[in-house]
Amino acid sequence: MVPVEGLKQMATDLIGGSGQQGQARSTQVGATASIPVTLKAARGCKNTLEAIYMNVFEADAGKLAAWKSASHVERAGSTDAAPPTPEAPK
Protein backbone atom coordinates (compact mmCIF):
# COMPACT_ATOMS: atom_id res chain seq x y z
CA MET A 1 0.00 0.00 0.00
CA VAL A 2 1.29 3.51 -0.90
CA PRO A 3 1.59 5.92 2.03
CA VAL A 4 -0.51 9.12 1.96
CA GLU A 5 2.54 11.31 1.36
CA GLY A 6 3.46 9.17 -1.64
CA LEU A 7 -0.04 9.62 -3.09
CA LYS A 8 0.15 13.39 -2.54
CA GLN A 9 3.48 13.52 -4.33
CA MET A 10 2.11 11.45 -7.23
CA ALA A 11 -0.89 13.79 -7.55
CA THR A 12 1.39 16.84 -7.51
CA ASP A 13 3.61 15.30 -10.19
CA LEU A 14 0.58 14.46 -12.34
CA ILE A 15 -0.82 17.98 -12.10
CA GLY A 16 2.59 19.50 -12.86
CA GLY A 17 2.98 17.25 -15.90
CA SER A 18 -0.42 18.27 -17.22
CA GLY A 19 0.56 21.93 -16.92
CA GLN A 20 3.78 21.34 -18.82
CA GLN A 21 1.90 19.50 -21.56
CA GLY A 22 -0.58 22.35 -21.88
CA GLN A 23 2.24 24.87 -22.07
CA ALA A 24 3.98 22.84 -24.78
CA ARG A 25 0.73 22.70 -26.76
CA SER A 26 0.36 26.49 -26.49
CA THR A 27 3.91 26.95 -27.75
CA GLN A 28 3.23 24.65 -30.71
CA VAL A 29 0.00 26.45 -31.61
CA GLY A 30 1.73 29.83 -31.39
CA ALA A 31 4.57 28.67 -33.61
CA THR A 32 2.18 27.26 -36.18
CA ALA A 33 0.12 30.45 -36.20
CA SER A 34 3.23 32.54 -36.89
CA ILE A 35 4.13 30.66 -40.09
CA PRO A 36 1.97 32.76 -42.47
CA VAL A 37 3.35 36.00 -40.99
CA THR A 38 6.91 34.77 -41.39
CA LEU A 39 6.28 33.65 -44.98
CA LYS A 40 4.79 37.03 -45.87
CA ALA A 41 7.88 38.79 -44.47
CA ALA A 42 10.16 36.42 -46.40
CA ARG A 43 8.30 37.13 -49.66
CA GLY A 44 8.76 40.86 -49.05
CA CYS A 45 12.50 40.37 -48.54
CA LYS A 46 12.73 38.27 -51.70
CA ASN A 47 10.92 40.95 -53.72
CA THR A 48 13.25 43.66 -52.40
CA LEU A 49 16.32 41.60 -53.24
CA GLU A 50 14.92 40.86 -56.68
CA ALA A 51 14.52 44.57 -57.43
CA ILE A 52 18.10 45.23 -56.35
CA TYR A 53 19.47 42.24 -58.26
CA MET A 54 17.62 43.17 -61.44
CA ASN A 55 19.08 46.69 -61.36
CA VAL A 56 22.63 45.69 -60.46
CA PHE A 57 22.91 42.81 -62.92
CA GLU A 58 20.62 44.02 -65.72
CA ALA A 59 23.36 43.48 -68.32
CA ASP A 60 24.40 40.00 -67.10
CA ALA A 61 21.94 37.43 -68.46
CA GLY A 62 23.77 34.56 -66.75
CA LYS A 63 23.47 36.07 -63.29
CA LEU A 64 19.85 37.03 -63.87
CA ALA A 65 19.06 33.45 -64.92
CA ALA A 66 20.85 32.13 -61.83
CA TRP A 67 18.87 34.55 -59.62
CA LYS A 68 15.60 33.51 -61.23
CA SER A 69 16.38 29.86 -60.59
CA ALA A 70 17.64 30.39 -57.03
CA SER A 71 14.83 32.71 -55.97
CA HIS A 72 11.98 30.59 -57.32
CA VAL A 73 9.43 29.81 -54.64
CA GLU A 74 6.93 27.04 -55.17
CA ARG A 75 3.47 27.57 -53.81
CA ALA A 76 1.35 24.84 -52.34
CA GLY A 77 -1.11 23.42 -54.81
CA SER A 78 -4.82 23.19 -54.33
CA THR A 79 -5.93 20.40 -52.00
CA ASP A 80 -9.27 20.14 -53.82
CA ALA A 81 -7.83 18.27 -56.78
CA ALA A 82 -7.85 14.48 -56.69
CA PRO A 83 -4.45 12.79 -56.98
CA PRO A 84 -3.70 11.38 -60.44
CA THR A 85 -4.70 7.74 -60.94
CA PRO A 86 -1.72 5.56 -61.86
CA GLU A 87 -1.96 3.62 -65.10
CA ALA A 88 -2.58 -0.09 -64.91
CA PRO A 89 0.45 -2.24 -65.76
CA LYS A 90 0.39 -3.72 -69.27
C-alpha atoms as a PDB file:
ATOM      1  CA  MET A   1       0.000   0.000   0.000  1.00  0.00           C
ATOM      2  CA  VAL A   2       1.289   3.505  -0.895  1.00  0.00           C
ATOM      3  CA  PRO A   3       1.586   5.923   2.032  1.00  0.00           C
ATOM      4  CA  VAL A   4      -0.513   9.121   1.962  1.00  0.00           C
ATOM      5  CA  GLU A   5       2.543  11.313   1.359  1.00  0.00           C
ATOM      6  CA  GLY A   6       3.462   9.171  -1.637  1.00  0.00           C
ATOM      7  CA  LEU A   7      -0.038   9.621  -3.088  1.00  0.00           C
ATOM      8  CA  LYS A   8       0.150  13.387  -2.543  1.00  0.00           C
ATOM      9  CA  GLN A   9       3.482  13.521  -4.334  1.00  0.00           C
ATOM     10  CA  MET A  10       2.115  11.448  -7.228  1.00  0.00           C
ATOM     11  CA  ALA A  11      -0.890  13.787  -7.546  1.00  0.00           C
ATOM     12  CA  THR A  12       1.388  16.838  -7.513  1.00  0.00           C
ATOM     13  CA  ASP A  13       3.615  15.302 -10.192  1.00  0.00           C
ATOM     14  CA  LEU A  14       0.580  14.461 -12.343  1.00  0.00           C
ATOM     15  CA  ILE A  15      -0.816  17.983 -12.102  1.00  0.00           C
ATOM     16  CA  GLY A  16       2.591  19.504 -12.862  1.00  0.00           C
ATOM     17  CA  GLY A  17       2.975  17.247 -15.900  1.00  0.00           C
ATOM     18  CA  SER A  18      -0.424  18.274 -17.219  1.00  0.00           C
ATOM     19  CA  GLY A  19       0.564  21.932 -16.917  1.00  0.00           C
ATOM     20  CA  GLN A  20       3.784  21.338 -18.822  1.00  0.00           C
ATOM     21  CA  GLN A  21       1.896  19.500 -21.560  1.00  0.00           C
ATOM     22  CA  GLY A  22      -0.584  22.353 -21.885  1.00  0.00           C
ATOM     23  CA  GLN A  23       2.244  24.870 -22.065  1.00  0.00           C
ATOM     24  CA  ALA A  24       3.976  22.836 -24.784  1.00  0.00           C
ATOM     25  CA  ARG A  25       0.734  22.703 -26.764  1.00  0.00           C
ATOM     26  CA  SER A  26       0.358  26.485 -26.494  1.00  0.00           C
ATOM     27  CA  THR A  27       3.915  26.946 -27.746  1.00  0.00           C
ATOM     28  CA  GLN A  28       3.226  24.652 -30.708  1.00  0.00           C
ATOM     29  CA  VAL A  29      -0.001  26.451 -31.606  1.00  0.00           C
ATOM     30  CA  GLY A  30       1.727  29.832 -31.393  1.00  0.00           C
ATOM     31  CA  ALA A  31       4.573  28.672 -33.605  1.00  0.00           C
ATOM     32  CA  THR A  32       2.178  27.255 -36.181  1.00  0.00           C
ATOM     33  CA  ALA A  33       0.122  30.446 -36.197  1.00  0.00           C
ATOM     34  CA  SER A  34       3.233  32.544 -36.889  1.00  0.00           C
ATOM     35  CA  ILE A  35       4.132  30.658 -40.094  1.00  0.00           C
ATOM     36  CA  PRO A  36       1.973  32.762 -42.470  1.00  0.00           C
ATOM     37  CA  VAL A  37       3.347  35.997 -40.991  1.00  0.00           C
ATOM     38  CA  THR A  38       6.912  34.769 -41.392  1.00  0.00           C
ATOM     39  CA  LEU A  39       6.278  33.650 -44.980  1.00  0.00           C
ATOM     40  CA  LYS A  40       4.794  37.032 -45.874  1.00  0.00           C
ATOM     41  CA  ALA A  41       7.878  38.795 -44.471  1.00  0.00           C
ATOM     42  CA  ALA A  42      10.162  36.420 -46.396  1.00  0.00           C
ATOM     43  CA  ARG A  43       8.303  37.128 -49.658  1.00  0.00           C
ATOM     44  CA  GLY A  44       8.756  40.855 -49.045  1.00  0.00           C
ATOM     45  CA  CYS A  45      12.499  40.373 -48.544  1.00  0.00           C
ATOM     46  CA  LYS A  46      12.728  38.272 -51.701  1.00  0.00           C
ATOM     47  CA  ASN A  47      10.918  40.955 -53.720  1.00  0.00           C
ATOM     48  CA  THR A  48      13.255  43.665 -52.400  1.00  0.00           C
ATOM     49  CA  LEU A  49      16.325  41.598 -53.235  1.00  0.00           C
ATOM     50  CA  GLU A  50      14.922  40.860 -56.677  1.00  0.00           C
ATOM     51  CA  ALA A  51      14.516  44.566 -57.432  1.00  0.00           C
ATOM     52  CA  ILE A  52      18.100  45.228 -56.350  1.00  0.00           C
ATOM     53  CA  TYR A  53      19.470  42.241 -58.262  1.00  0.00           C
ATOM     54  CA  MET A  54      17.625  43.174 -61.443  1.00  0.00           C
ATOM     55  CA  ASN A  55      19.080  46.689 -61.357  1.00  0.00           C
ATOM     56  CA  VAL A  56      22.635  45.690 -60.461  1.00  0.00           C
ATOM     57  CA  PHE A  57      22.911  42.808 -62.922  1.00  0.00           C
ATOM     58  CA  GLU A  58      20.621  44.021 -65.717  1.00  0.00           C
ATOM     59  CA  ALA A  59      23.362  43.481 -68.321  1.00  0.00           C
ATOM     60  CA  ASP A  60      24.402  39.999 -67.103  1.00  0.00           C
ATOM     61  CA  ALA A  61      21.938  37.429 -68.458  1.00  0.00           C
ATOM     62  CA  GLY A  62      23.772  34.556 -66.751  1.00  0.00           C
ATOM     63  CA  LYS A  63      23.474  36.074 -63.288  1.00  0.00           C
ATOM     64  CA  LEU A  64      19.853  37.033 -63.874  1.00  0.00           C
ATOM     65  CA  ALA A  65      19.063  33.451 -64.916  1.00  0.00           C
ATOM     66  CA  ALA A  66      20.851  32.135 -61.832  1.00  0.00           C
ATOM     67  CA  TRP A  67      18.873  34.548 -59.624  1.00  0.00           C
ATOM     68  CA  LYS A  68      15.599  33.512 -61.225  1.00  0.00           C
ATOM     69  CA  SER A  69      16.376  29.865 -60.585  1.00  0.00           C
ATOM     70  CA  ALA A  70      17.635  30.391 -57.025  1.00  0.00           C
ATOM     71  CA  SER A  71      14.829  32.710 -55.968  1.00  0.00           C
ATOM     72  CA  HIS A  72      11.985  30.589 -57.322  1.00  0.00           C
ATOM     73  CA  VAL A  73       9.426  29.814 -54.639  1.00  0.00           C
ATOM     74  CA  GLU A  74       6.926  27.038 -55.174  1.00  0.00           C
ATOM     75  CA  ARG A  75       3.466  27.575 -53.810  1.00  0.00           C
ATOM     76  CA  ALA A  76       1.352  24.838 -52.335  1.00  0.00           C
ATOM     77  CA  GLY A  77      -1.109  23.418 -54.809  1.00  0.00           C
ATOM     78  CA  SER A  78      -4.821  23.187 -54.326  1.00  0.00           C
ATOM     79  CA  THR A  79      -5.930  20.400 -52.002  1.00  0.00           C
ATOM     80  CA  ASP A  80      -9.274  20.140 -53.822  1.00  0.00           C
ATOM     81  CA  ALA A  81      -7.835  18.272 -56.777  1.00  0.00           C
ATOM     82  CA  ALA A  82      -7.854  14.478 -56.689  1.00  0.00           C
ATOM     83  CA  PRO A  83      -4.449  12.788 -56.975  1.00  0.00           C
ATOM     84  CA  PRO A  84      -3.702  11.376 -60.436  1.00  0.00           C
ATOM     85  CA  THR A  85      -4.696   7.741 -60.944  1.00  0.00           C
ATOM     86  CA  PRO A  86      -1.721   5.565 -61.855  1.00  0.00           C
ATOM     87  CA  GLU A  87      -1.960   3.625 -65.102  1.00  0.00           C
ATOM     88  CA  ALA A  88      -2.582  -0.093 -64.911  1.00  0.00           C
ATOM     89  CA  PRO A  89       0.454  -2.236 -65.762  1.00  0.00           C
ATOM     90  CA  LYS A  90       0.394  -3.716 -69.270  1.00  0.00           C
END
